[in-house]
PDB file of all heavy atoms in Angstrom:
ATOM      1  N   PHE A   1     -10.765 -43.151  33.319  1.00  0.00           N
ATOM      2  CA  PHE A   1     -12.165 -42.845  33.080  1.00  0.00           C
ATOM      3  C   PHE A   1     -12.264 -41.486  32.383  1.00  0.00           C
ATOM      4  O   PHE A   1     -11.564 -40.543  32.753  1.00  0.00           O
ATOM      5  CB  PHE A   1     -12.942 -42.795  34.397  1.00  0.00           C
ATOM      6  CG  PHE A   1     -12.875 -44.074  35.184  1.00  0.00           C
ATOM      7  CD1 PHE A   1     -11.923 -44.232  36.178  1.00  0.00           C
ATOM      8  CD2 PHE A   1     -13.751 -45.120  34.919  1.00  0.00           C
ATOM      9  CE1 PHE A   1     -11.857 -45.410  36.909  1.00  0.00           C
ATOM     10  CE2 PHE A   1     -13.680 -46.304  35.641  1.00  0.00           C
ATOM     11  CZ  PHE A   1     -12.730 -46.450  36.641  1.00  0.00           C
ATOM     12  N   VAL A   2     -13.138 -41.394  31.383  1.00  0.00           N
ATOM     13  CA  VAL A   2     -13.310 -40.144  30.646  1.00  0.00           C
ATOM     14  C   VAL A   2     -14.788 -39.781  30.570  1.00  0.00           C
ATOM     15  O   VAL A   2     -15.648 -40.647  30.458  1.00  0.00           O
ATOM     16  CB  VAL A   2     -12.723 -40.229  29.217  1.00  0.00           C
ATOM     17  CG1 VAL A   2     -11.217 -40.447  29.260  1.00  0.00           C
ATOM     18  CG2 VAL A   2     -13.402 -41.311  28.393  1.00  0.00           C
ATOM     19  N   GLY A   3     -15.058 -38.488  30.650  1.00  0.00           N
ATOM     20  CA  GLY A   3     -16.393 -37.970  30.407  1.00  0.00           C
ATOM     21  C   GLY A   3     -16.431 -37.329  29.042  1.00  0.00           C
ATOM     22  O   GLY A   3     -15.517 -36.570  28.681  1.00  0.00           O
ATOM     23  N   THR A   4     -17.457 -37.607  28.247  1.00  0.00           N
ATOM     24  CA  THR A   4     -17.449 -37.219  26.841  1.00  0.00           C
ATOM     25  C   THR A   4     -18.646 -36.360  26.454  1.00  0.00           C
ATOM     26  O   THR A   4     -19.676 -36.342  27.130  1.00  0.00           O
ATOM     27  CB  THR A   4     -17.434 -38.459  25.931  1.00  0.00           C
ATOM     28  OG1 THR A   4     -18.777 -38.933  25.720  1.00  0.00           O
ATOM     29  CG2 THR A   4     -16.602 -39.581  26.509  1.00  0.00           C
ATOM     30  N   SER A   5     -18.464 -35.666  25.321  1.00  0.00           N
ATOM     31  CA  SER A   5     -19.571 -34.919  24.718  1.00  0.00           C
ATOM     32  C   SER A   5     -20.468 -35.824  23.888  1.00  0.00           C
ATOM     33  O   SER A   5     -21.477 -35.369  23.352  1.00  0.00           O
ATOM     34  CB  SER A   5     -19.023 -33.794  23.840  1.00  0.00           C
ATOM     35  OG  SER A   5     -18.291 -34.330  22.748  1.00  0.00           O
ATOM     36  N   GLY A   6     -20.099 -37.095  23.775  1.00  0.00           N
ATOM     37  CA  GLY A   6     -20.897 -38.060  23.031  1.00  0.00           C
ATOM     38  C   GLY A   6     -21.889 -38.787  23.906  1.00  0.00           C
ATOM     39  O   GLY A   6     -22.322 -39.893  23.562  1.00  0.00           O
ATOM     40  N   ASN A   7     -22.244 -38.161  25.046  1.00  0.00           N
ATOM     41  CA  ASN A   7     -23.259 -38.733  25.951  1.00  0.00           C
ATOM     42  C   ASN A   7     -22.846 -40.093  26.502  1.00  0.00           C
ATOM     43  O   ASN A   7     -23.665 -41.004  26.621  1.00  0.00           O
ATOM     44  CB  ASN A   7     -24.616 -38.840  25.259  1.00  0.00           C
ATOM     45  CG  ASN A   7     -25.153 -37.485  24.832  1.00  0.00           C
ATOM     46  OD1 ASN A   7     -24.562 -36.451  25.120  1.00  0.00           O
ATOM     47  ND2 ASN A   7     -26.281 -37.491  24.151  1.00  0.00           N
ATOM     48  N   HIS A   8     -21.563 -40.200  26.862  1.00  0.00           N
ATOM     49  CA  HIS A   8     -21.050 -41.425  27.444  1.00  0.00           C
ATOM     50  C   HIS A   8     -20.001 -41.120  28.504  1.00  0.00           C
ATOM     51  O   HIS A   8     -19.328 -40.086  28.458  1.00  0.00           O
ATOM     52  CB  HIS A   8     -20.397 -42.322  26.386  1.00  0.00           C
ATOM     53  CG  HIS A   8     -21.347 -43.168  25.611  1.00  0.00           C
ATOM     54  ND1 HIS A   8     -22.104 -42.670  24.571  1.00  0.00           N
ATOM     55  CD2 HIS A   8     -21.684 -44.485  25.715  1.00  0.00           C
ATOM     56  CE1 HIS A   8     -22.855 -43.644  24.068  1.00  0.00           C
ATOM     57  NE2 HIS A   8     -22.624 -44.745  24.742  1.00  0.00           N
ATOM     58  N   LEU A   9     -19.860 -42.047  29.410  1.00  0.00           N
ATOM     59  CA  LEU A   9     -18.727 -42.111  30.318  1.00  0.00           C
ATOM     60  C   LEU A   9     -17.941 -43.347  29.919  1.00  0.00           C
ATOM     61  O   LEU A   9     -18.487 -44.452  29.881  1.00  0.00           O
ATOM     62  CB  LEU A   9     -19.218 -42.210  31.760  1.00  0.00           C
ATOM     63  CG  LEU A   9     -18.197 -42.088  32.888  1.00  0.00           C
ATOM     64  CD1 LEU A   9     -18.905 -41.681  34.171  1.00  0.00           C
ATOM     65  CD2 LEU A   9     -17.430 -43.377  33.121  1.00  0.00           C
ATOM     66  N   GLY A  10     -16.671 -43.177  29.557  1.00  0.00           N
ATOM     67  CA  GLY A  10     -15.878 -44.297  29.066  1.00  0.00           C
ATOM     68  C   GLY A  10     -14.807 -44.710  30.053  1.00  0.00           C
ATOM     69  O   GLY A  10     -14.410 -43.931  30.923  1.00  0.00           O
ATOM     70  N   ALA A  11     -14.329 -45.948  29.942  1.00  0.00           N
ATOM     71  CA  ALA A  11     -13.275 -46.460  30.814  1.00  0.00           C
ATOM     72  C   ALA A  11     -12.318 -47.308  29.996  1.00  0.00           C
ATOM     73  O   ALA A  11     -12.733 -48.106  29.159  1.00  0.00           O
ATOM     74  CB  ALA A  11     -13.882 -47.274  31.951  1.00  0.00           C
ATOM     75  N   PHE A  12     -11.004 -47.122  30.250  1.00  0.00           N
ATOM     76  CA  PHE A  12      -9.959 -47.810  29.495  1.00  0.00           C
ATOM     77  C   PHE A  12      -8.878 -48.308  30.442  1.00  0.00           C
ATOM     78  O   PHE A  12      -8.459 -47.590  31.356  1.00  0.00           O
ATOM     79  CB  PHE A  12      -9.304 -46.864  28.484  1.00  0.00           C
ATOM     80  CG  PHE A  12     -10.259 -46.213  27.533  1.00  0.00           C
ATOM     81  CD1 PHE A  12     -10.860 -45.007  27.853  1.00  0.00           C
ATOM     82  CD2 PHE A  12     -10.558 -46.801  26.314  1.00  0.00           C
ATOM     83  CE1 PHE A  12     -11.749 -44.393  26.983  1.00  0.00           C
ATOM     84  CE2 PHE A  12     -11.445 -46.196  25.434  1.00  0.00           C
ATOM     85  CZ  PHE A  12     -12.043 -44.995  25.773  1.00  0.00           C
ATOM     86  N   TYR A  13      -8.388 -49.514  30.219  1.00  0.00           N
ATOM     87  CA  TYR A  13      -7.233 -49.977  30.958  1.00  0.00           C
ATOM     88  C   TYR A  13      -6.032 -49.090  30.628  1.00  0.00           C
ATOM     89  O   TYR A  13      -5.854 -48.676  29.475  1.00  0.00           O
ATOM     90  CB  TYR A  13      -6.916 -51.425  30.594  1.00  0.00           C
ATOM     91  CG  TYR A  13      -7.946 -52.422  31.062  1.00  0.00           C
ATOM     92  CD1 TYR A  13      -8.549 -53.303  30.165  1.00  0.00           C
ATOM     93  CD2 TYR A  13      -8.307 -52.484  32.402  1.00  0.00           C
ATOM     94  CE1 TYR A  13      -9.483 -54.222  30.604  1.00  0.00           C
ATOM     95  CE2 TYR A  13      -9.239 -53.403  32.842  1.00  0.00           C
ATOM     96  CZ  TYR A  13      -9.830 -54.270  31.934  1.00  0.00           C
ATOM     97  OH  TYR A  13     -10.759 -55.179  32.374  1.00  0.00           O
ATOM     98  N   ILE A  14      -5.199 -48.809  31.631  1.00  0.00           N
ATOM     99  CA  ILE A  14      -4.007 -48.001  31.360  1.00  0.00           C
ATOM    100  C   ILE A  14      -2.802 -48.872  31.040  1.00  0.00           C
ATOM    101  O   ILE A  14      -1.671 -48.396  30.996  1.00  0.00           O
ATOM    102  CB  ILE A  14      -3.683 -47.054  32.524  1.00  0.00           C
ATOM    103  CG1 ILE A  14      -3.354 -47.823  33.800  1.00  0.00           C
ATOM    104  CG2 ILE A  14      -4.849 -46.102  32.773  1.00  0.00           C
ATOM    105  CD1 ILE A  14      -2.794 -46.940  34.916  1.00  0.00           C
ATOM    106  N   SER A  15      -3.040 -50.162  30.794  1.00  0.00           N
ATOM    107  CA  SER A  15      -1.991 -51.039  30.306  1.00  0.00           C
ATOM    108  C   SER A  15      -1.557 -50.588  28.920  1.00  0.00           C
ATOM    109  O   SER A  15      -2.189 -49.749  28.289  1.00  0.00           O
ATOM    110  CB  SER A  15      -2.498 -52.481  30.252  1.00  0.00           C
ATOM    111  OG  SER A  15      -3.594 -52.561  29.357  1.00  0.00           O
ATOM    112  N   ALA A  16      -0.490 -51.189  28.421  1.00  0.00           N
ATOM    113  CA  ALA A  16       0.064 -50.760  27.132  1.00  0.00           C
ATOM    114  C   ALA A  16      -0.953 -50.851  26.004  1.00  0.00           C
ATOM    115  O   ALA A  16      -0.963 -50.038  25.083  1.00  0.00           O
ATOM    116  CB  ALA A  16       1.301 -51.597  26.804  1.00  0.00           C
ATOM    117  N   ALA A  17      -1.843 -51.864  26.074  1.00  0.00           N
ATOM    118  CA  ALA A  17      -2.813 -52.044  24.995  1.00  0.00           C
ATOM    119  C   ALA A  17      -3.891 -50.963  25.010  1.00  0.00           C
ATOM    120  O   ALA A  17      -4.454 -50.619  23.972  1.00  0.00           O
ATOM    121  CB  ALA A  17      -3.458 -53.418  25.097  1.00  0.00           C
ATOM    122  N   GLY A  18      -4.214 -50.449  26.180  1.00  0.00           N
ATOM    123  CA  GLY A  18      -5.248 -49.421  26.271  1.00  0.00           C
ATOM    124  C   GLY A  18      -6.631 -49.921  25.897  1.00  0.00           C
ATOM    125  O   GLY A  18      -7.455 -49.178  25.377  1.00  0.00           O
ATOM    126  N   SER A  19      -6.916 -51.187  26.175  1.00  0.00           N
ATOM    127  CA  SER A  19      -8.190 -51.758  25.766  1.00  0.00           C
ATOM    128  C   SER A  19      -9.362 -51.082  26.458  1.00  0.00           C
ATOM    129  O   SER A  19      -9.276 -50.712  27.622  1.00  0.00           O
ATOM    130  CB  SER A  19      -8.226 -53.256  26.099  1.00  0.00           C
ATOM    131  OG  SER A  19      -7.143 -53.924  25.507  1.00  0.00           O
ATOM    132  N   PRO A  20     -10.492 -50.923  25.760  1.00  0.00           N
ATOM    133  CA  PRO A  20     -11.689 -50.416  26.432  1.00  0.00           C
ATOM    134  C   PRO A  20     -12.143 -51.371  27.528  1.00  0.00           C
ATOM    135  O   PRO A  20     -12.045 -52.586  27.387  1.00  0.00           O
ATOM    136  CB  PRO A  20     -12.724 -50.350  25.302  1.00  0.00           C
ATOM    137  CG  PRO A  20     -11.926 -50.356  24.033  1.00  0.00           C
ATOM    138  CD  PRO A  20     -10.708 -51.163  24.323  1.00  0.00           C
ATOM    139  N   PHE A  21     -12.621 -50.814  28.615  1.00  0.00           N
ATOM    140  CA  PHE A  21     -13.137 -51.616  29.720  1.00  0.00           C
ATOM    141  C   PHE A  21     -14.654 -51.607  29.678  1.00  0.00           C
ATOM    142  O   PHE A  21     -15.299 -52.634  29.590  1.00  0.00           O
ATOM    143  CB  PHE A  21     -12.588 -51.053  31.033  1.00  0.00           C
ATOM    144  CG  PHE A  21     -13.139 -51.707  32.275  1.00  0.00           C
ATOM    145  CD1 PHE A  21     -13.393 -53.060  32.320  1.00  0.00           C
ATOM    146  CD2 PHE A  21     -13.389 -50.952  33.393  1.00  0.00           C
ATOM    147  CE1 PHE A  21     -13.897 -53.654  33.467  1.00  0.00           C
ATOM    148  CE2 PHE A  21     -13.881 -51.527  34.551  1.00  0.00           C
ATOM    149  CZ  PHE A  21     -14.142 -52.884  34.580  1.00  0.00           C
ATOM    150  N   HIS A  22     -15.260 -50.428  29.755  1.00  0.00           N
ATOM    151  CA  HIS A  22     -16.694 -50.339  29.562  1.00  0.00           C
ATOM    152  C   HIS A  22     -17.070 -48.894  29.235  1.00  0.00           C
ATOM    153  O   HIS A  22     -16.258 -47.982  29.326  1.00  0.00           O
ATOM    154  CB  HIS A  22     -17.482 -50.850  30.770  1.00  0.00           C
ATOM    155  CG  HIS A  22     -17.217 -50.113  32.056  1.00  0.00           C
ATOM    156  ND1 HIS A  22     -17.490 -48.768  32.234  1.00  0.00           N
ATOM    157  CD2 HIS A  22     -16.726 -50.548  33.247  1.00  0.00           C
ATOM    158  CE1 HIS A  22     -17.169 -48.414  33.466  1.00  0.00           C
ATOM    159  NE2 HIS A  22     -16.699 -49.463  34.099  1.00  0.00           N
ATOM    160  N   ALA A  23     -18.291 -48.705  28.798  1.00  0.00           N
ATOM    161  CA  ALA A  23     -18.828 -47.376  28.558  1.00  0.00           C
ATOM    162  C   ALA A  23     -20.257 -47.340  29.081  1.00  0.00           C
ATOM    163  O   ALA A  23     -20.995 -48.315  28.968  1.00  0.00           O
ATOM    164  CB  ALA A  23     -18.801 -47.025  27.073  1.00  0.00           C
ATOM    165  N   VAL A  24     -20.634 -46.220  29.681  1.00  0.00           N
ATOM    166  CA  VAL A  24     -21.964 -46.054  30.246  1.00  0.00           C
ATOM    167  C   VAL A  24     -22.659 -44.914  29.510  1.00  0.00           C
ATOM    168  O   VAL A  24     -22.114 -43.809  29.414  1.00  0.00           O
ATOM    169  CB  VAL A  24     -21.900 -45.754  31.754  1.00  0.00           C
ATOM    170  CG1 VAL A  24     -23.296 -45.564  32.328  1.00  0.00           C
ATOM    171  CG2 VAL A  24     -21.165 -46.869  32.490  1.00  0.00           C
ATOM    172  N   ALA A  25     -23.835 -45.173  29.000  1.00  0.00           N
ATOM    173  CA  ALA A  25     -24.553 -44.175  28.208  1.00  0.00           C
ATOM    174  C   ALA A  25     -25.294 -43.195  29.109  1.00  0.00           C
ATOM    175  O   ALA A  25     -25.802 -43.551  30.170  1.00  0.00           O
ATOM    176  CB  ALA A  25     -25.545 -44.861  27.274  1.00  0.00           C
ATOM    177  N   ALA A  26     -25.358 -41.943  28.664  1.00  0.00           N
ATOM    178  CA  ALA A  26     -26.151 -40.898  29.314  1.00  0.00           C
ATOM    179  C   ALA A  26     -26.943 -40.187  28.231  1.00  0.00           C
ATOM    180  O   ALA A  26     -26.802 -40.493  27.042  1.00  0.00           O
ATOM    181  CB  ALA A  26     -25.242 -39.919  30.058  1.00  0.00           C
ATOM    182  N   ASN A  27     -27.788 -39.233  28.612  1.00  0.00           N
ATOM    183  CA  ASN A  27     -28.518 -38.471  27.590  1.00  0.00           C
ATOM    184  C   ASN A  27     -28.035 -37.025  27.515  1.00  0.00           C
ATOM    185  O   ASN A  27     -28.746 -36.147  27.060  1.00  0.00           O
ATOM    186  CB  ASN A  27     -30.032 -38.527  27.836  1.00  0.00           C
ATOM    187  CG  ASN A  27     -30.449 -37.762  29.079  1.00  0.00           C
ATOM    188  OD1 ASN A  27     -29.622 -37.434  29.928  1.00  0.00           O
ATOM    189  ND2 ASN A  27     -31.746 -37.486  29.196  1.00  0.00           N
ATOM    190  N   GLY A  28     -26.795 -36.804  27.968  1.00  0.00           N
ATOM    191  CA  GLY A  28     -26.157 -35.499  27.884  1.00  0.00           C
ATOM    192  C   GLY A  28     -24.684 -35.649  28.195  1.00  0.00           C
ATOM    193  O   GLY A  28     -24.208 -36.736  28.562  1.00  0.00           O
ATOM    194  N   ASP A  29     -23.934 -34.564  28.059  1.00  0.00           N
ATOM    195  CA  ASP A  29     -22.485 -34.617  28.266  1.00  0.00           C
ATOM    196  C   ASP A  29     -22.124 -34.975  29.700  1.00  0.00           C
ATOM    197  O   ASP A  29     -22.783 -34.563  30.652  1.00  0.00           O
ATOM    198  CB  ASP A  29     -21.854 -33.265  27.950  1.00  0.00           C
ATOM    199  CG  ASP A  29     -21.858 -32.945  26.462  1.00  0.00           C
ATOM    200  OD1 ASP A  29     -22.471 -33.706  25.690  1.00  0.00           O
ATOM    201  OD2 ASP A  29     -21.252 -31.931  26.087  1.00  0.00           O
ATOM    202  N   VAL A  30     -21.036 -35.738  29.844  1.00  0.00           N
ATOM    203  CA  VAL A  30     -20.394 -35.983  31.141  1.00  0.00           C
ATOM    204  C   VAL A  30     -19.154 -35.102  31.180  1.00  0.00           C
ATOM    205  O   VAL A  30     -18.220 -35.306  30.400  1.00  0.00           O
ATOM    206  CB  VAL A  30     -20.035 -37.467  31.324  1.00  0.00           C
ATOM    207  CG1 VAL A  30     -19.344 -37.685  32.670  1.00  0.00           C
ATOM    208  CG2 VAL A  30     -21.286 -38.333  31.203  1.00  0.00           C
ATOM    209  N   GLN A  31     -19.109 -34.120  32.087  1.00  0.00           N
ATOM    210  CA  GLN A  31     -18.126 -33.037  32.005  1.00  0.00           C
ATOM    211  C   GLN A  31     -17.109 -33.012  33.139  1.00  0.00           C
ATOM    212  O   GLN A  31     -16.070 -32.362  33.012  1.00  0.00           O
ATOM    213  CB  GLN A  31     -18.871 -31.690  31.988  1.00  0.00           C
ATOM    214  CG  GLN A  31     -19.783 -31.555  30.787  1.00  0.00           C
ATOM    215  CD  GLN A  31     -20.827 -30.466  30.896  1.00  0.00           C
ATOM    216  OE1 GLN A  31     -21.504 -30.161  29.924  1.00  0.00           O
ATOM    217  NE2 GLN A  31     -20.990 -29.870  32.066  1.00  0.00           N
ATOM    218  N   ALA A  32     -17.392 -33.678  34.258  1.00  0.00           N
ATOM    219  CA  ALA A  32     -16.493 -33.641  35.409  1.00  0.00           C
ATOM    220  C   ALA A  32     -16.524 -34.985  36.111  1.00  0.00           C
ATOM    221  O   ALA A  32     -17.583 -35.605  36.246  1.00  0.00           O
ATOM    222  CB  ALA A  32     -16.910 -32.534  36.373  1.00  0.00           C
ATOM    223  N   LEU A  33     -15.342 -35.422  36.598  1.00  0.00           N
ATOM    224  CA  LEU A  33     -15.209 -36.721  37.238  1.00  0.00           C
ATOM    225  C   LEU A  33     -14.384 -36.608  38.508  1.00  0.00           C
ATOM    226  O   LEU A  33     -13.494 -35.765  38.615  1.00  0.00           O
ATOM    227  CB  LEU A  33     -14.523 -37.717  36.303  1.00  0.00           C
ATOM    228  CG  LEU A  33     -15.185 -37.989  34.941  1.00  0.00           C
ATOM    229  CD1 LEU A  33     -14.262 -38.842  34.085  1.00  0.00           C
ATOM    230  CD2 LEU A  33     -16.529 -38.667  35.122  1.00  0.00           C
ATOM    231  N   ALA A  34     -14.661 -37.482  39.465  1.00  0.00           N
ATOM    232  CA  ALA A  34     -13.836 -37.632  40.667  1.00  0.00           C
ATOM    233  C   ALA A  34     -14.008 -39.051  41.171  1.00  0.00           C
ATOM    234  O   ALA A  34     -15.052 -39.681  40.956  1.00  0.00           O
ATOM    235  CB  ALA A  34     -14.246 -36.629  41.743  1.00  0.00           C
ATOM    236  N   VAL A  35     -12.980 -39.584  41.851  1.00  0.00           N
ATOM    237  CA  VAL A  35     -13.056 -40.931  42.398  1.00  0.00           C
ATOM    238  C   VAL A  35     -12.715 -40.911  43.878  1.00  0.00           C
ATOM    239  O   VAL A  35     -11.878 -40.133  44.334  1.00  0.00           O
ATOM    240  CB  VAL A  35     -12.123 -41.916  41.664  1.00  0.00           C
ATOM    241  CG1 VAL A  35     -12.586 -42.170  40.256  1.00  0.00           C
ATOM    242  CG2 VAL A  35     -10.685 -41.414  41.677  1.00  0.00           C
ATOM    243  N   SER A  36     -13.389 -41.764  44.632  1.00  0.00           N
ATOM    244  CA  SER A  36     -13.108 -41.918  46.056  1.00  0.00           C
ATOM    245  C   SER A  36     -13.668 -43.251  46.520  1.00  0.00           C
ATOM    246  O   SER A  36     -14.851 -43.550  46.292  1.00  0.00           O
ATOM    247  CB  SER A  36     -13.744 -40.777  46.869  1.00  0.00           C
ATOM    248  OG  SER A  36     -13.466 -40.918  48.255  1.00  0.00           O
ATOM    249  N   GLY A  37     -12.824 -44.063  47.147  1.00  0.00           N
ATOM    250  CA  GLY A  37     -13.280 -45.321  47.714  1.00  0.00           C
ATOM    251  C   GLY A  37     -13.875 -46.290  46.724  1.00  0.00           C
ATOM    252  O   GLY A  37     -14.814 -47.026  47.063  1.00  0.00           O
ATOM    253  N   GLY A  38     -13.365 -46.332  45.515  1.00  0.00           N
ATOM    254  CA  GLY A  38     -13.891 -47.242  44.505  1.00  0.00           C
ATOM    255  C   GLY A  38     -15.170 -46.781  43.843  1.00  0.00           C
ATOM    256  O   GLY A  38     -15.774 -47.514  43.061  1.00  0.00           O
ATOM    257  N   VAL A  39     -15.598 -45.550  44.138  1.00  0.00           N
ATOM    258  CA  VAL A  39     -16.797 -44.986  43.537  1.00  0.00           C
ATOM    259  C   VAL A  39     -16.395 -43.859  42.611  1.00  0.00           C
ATOM    260  O   VAL A  39     -15.560 -43.020  42.943  1.00  0.00           O
ATOM    261  CB  VAL A  39     -17.774 -44.465  44.610  1.00  0.00           C
ATOM    262  CG1 VAL A  39     -19.029 -43.883  43.964  1.00  0.00           C
ATOM    263  CG2 VAL A  39     -18.151 -45.595  45.564  1.00  0.00           C
ATOM    264  N   LEU A  40     -16.981 -43.861  41.430  1.00  0.00           N
ATOM    265  CA  LEU A  40     -16.740 -42.819  40.434  1.00  0.00           C
ATOM    266  C   LEU A  40     -17.917 -41.860  40.446  1.00  0.00           C
ATOM    267  O   LEU A  40     -19.070 -42.275  40.274  1.00  0.00           O
ATOM    268  CB  LEU A  40     -16.597 -43.450  39.047  1.00  0.00           C
ATOM    269  CG  LEU A  40     -16.429 -42.510  37.863  1.00  0.00           C
ATOM    270  CD1 LEU A  40     -15.105 -41.763  37.935  1.00  0.00           C
ATOM    271  CD2 LEU A  40     -16.513 -43.284  36.544  1.00  0.00           C
ATOM    272  N   TYR A  41     -17.641 -40.572  40.642  1.00  0.00           N
ATOM    273  CA  TYR A  41     -18.676 -39.532  40.631  1.00  0.00           C
ATOM    274  C   TYR A  41     -18.600 -38.789  39.314  1.00  0.00           C
ATOM    275  O   TYR A  41     -17.515 -38.353  38.896  1.00  0.00           O
ATOM    276  CB  TYR A  41     -18.500 -38.604  41.829  1.00  0.00           C
ATOM    277  CG  TYR A  41     -18.690 -39.334  43.140  1.00  0.00           C
ATOM    278  CD1 TYR A  41     -17.602 -39.917  43.782  1.00  0.00           C
ATOM    279  CD2 TYR A  41     -19.954 -39.492  43.683  1.00  0.00           C
ATOM    280  CE1 TYR A  41     -17.778 -40.645  44.956  1.00  0.00           C
ATOM    281  CE2 TYR A  41     -20.136 -40.219  44.857  1.00  0.00           C
ATOM    282  CZ  TYR A  41     -19.044 -40.789  45.484  1.00  0.00           C
ATOM    283  OH  TYR A  41     -19.232 -41.506  46.639  1.00  0.00           O
ATOM    284  N   ALA A  42     -19.737 -38.683  38.648  1.00  0.00           N
ATOM    285  CA  ALA A  42     -19.811 -38.082  37.323  1.00  0.00           C
ATOM    286  C   ALA A  42     -20.790 -36.923  37.334  1.00  0.00           C
ATOM    287  O   ALA A  42     -21.936 -37.073  37.792  1.00  0.00           O
ATOM    288  CB  ALA A  42     -20.245 -39.128  36.291  1.00  0.00           C
TER     289      ALA A  42
END
């Protein structure tokens, strides 16, 4: 999972292909991330 300056939170499989999984739009930068119990905090 990545937080971007392009007003998105992105997700990519870590398999060899690195395919995109999904992206979530925001109206500002996503700058910090943490995960716990299957929940992603942005």
